[in-house]
């Protein structure tokens, strides 16, 4: 499954607003050696995020999969 920037922007967060911020996303991708520009352009396979084992990434994947199960992309 492909996780997209739209998922990142809409995932229920841990604060008042929904979504994760782009700046934090860029930093997160850099920390794990993932290509932010490719993600913005094409999305990323959920398995690549899952491989990090990071709780925020796993939360994002769970949201994207739930959206797909409801027929939303």
Protein backbone atom coordinates (compact mmCIF):
# COMPACT_ATOMS: atom_id res chain seq x y z
CA UNK A 1 0.00 0.00 0.00
CA UNK A 2 1.17 3.50 -0.81
CA UNK A 3 1.14 6.09 1.98
CA UNK A 4 0.77 9.64 0.64
CA UNK A 5 1.28 13.22 1.71
CA UNK A 6 -2.50 13.47 1.99
CA UNK A 7 -2.43 10.75 4.65
CA UNK A 8 0.31 12.64 6.49
CA UNK A 9 -1.76 15.83 6.45
CA UNK A 10 -4.96 14.14 7.65
CA UNK A 11 -3.79 11.53 10.15
CA UNK A 12 -5.32 12.12 13.59
CA UNK A 13 -2.45 13.61 15.52
CA UNK A 14 -1.60 13.80 19.15
CA UNK A 15 -2.43 17.48 19.48
CA UNK A 16 -5.32 19.79 18.77
CA UNK A 17 -4.96 19.78 14.97
CA UNK A 18 -5.17 16.79 12.67
CA UNK A 19 -2.20 15.73 10.61
CA UNK A 20 1.54 15.88 11.08
CA UNK A 21 3.38 19.04 10.02
CA UNK A 22 5.50 19.05 6.87
CA UNK A 23 8.61 20.28 8.71
CA UNK A 24 8.41 17.42 11.16
CA UNK A 25 7.77 15.03 8.29
CA UNK A 26 10.88 16.22 6.45
CA UNK A 27 12.95 15.79 9.62
CA UNK A 28 11.48 12.35 10.26
CA UNK A 29 12.24 11.20 6.69
CA UNK A 30 15.80 12.55 6.93
CA UNK A 31 16.36 10.81 10.28
CA UNK A 32 15.41 7.45 8.76
CA UNK A 33 17.20 8.06 5.45
CA UNK A 34 13.98 8.16 3.43
CA UNK A 35 13.48 10.40 0.40
CA UNK A 36 11.08 13.23 1.31
CA UNK A 37 10.88 14.57 -2.26
CA UNK A 38 9.96 11.15 -3.65
CA UNK A 39 7.34 10.77 -0.91
CA UNK A 40 5.76 14.13 -1.75
CA UNK A 41 5.75 13.26 -5.45
CA UNK A 42 4.83 9.55 -5.41
CA UNK A 43 4.04 8.43 -1.88
CA UNK A 44 5.94 5.62 -0.18
CA UNK A 45 5.32 1.92 0.36
CA UNK A 46 3.94 1.31 3.84
CA UNK A 47 6.59 -1.37 4.36
CA UNK A 48 9.37 1.24 4.12
CA UNK A 49 7.81 3.21 6.96
CA UNK A 50 6.99 0.05 8.88
CA UNK A 51 10.64 -1.02 8.72
CA UNK A 52 11.60 1.98 10.86
CA UNK A 53 9.58 0.61 13.77
CA UNK A 54 8.83 4.21 14.73
CA UNK A 55 5.55 4.74 16.60
CA UNK A 56 4.57 7.84 14.58
CA UNK A 57 5.21 5.99 11.33
CA UNK A 58 3.19 3.00 12.50
CA UNK A 59 0.35 5.33 13.48
CA UNK A 60 0.43 6.88 10.00
CA UNK A 61 0.32 3.45 8.34
CA UNK A 62 -2.60 2.33 10.50
CA UNK A 63 -4.51 5.46 9.46
CA UNK A 64 -3.71 4.94 5.75
CA UNK A 65 -4.81 1.30 5.93
CA UNK A 66 -8.04 2.23 7.71
CA UNK A 67 -8.73 4.82 4.99
CA UNK A 68 -8.12 2.18 2.30
CA UNK A 69 -10.44 -0.25 4.07
CA UNK A 70 -13.16 2.41 4.01
CA UNK A 71 -12.54 2.93 0.29
CA UNK A 72 -10.76 6.26 0.68
CA UNK A 73 -7.29 7.00 -0.62
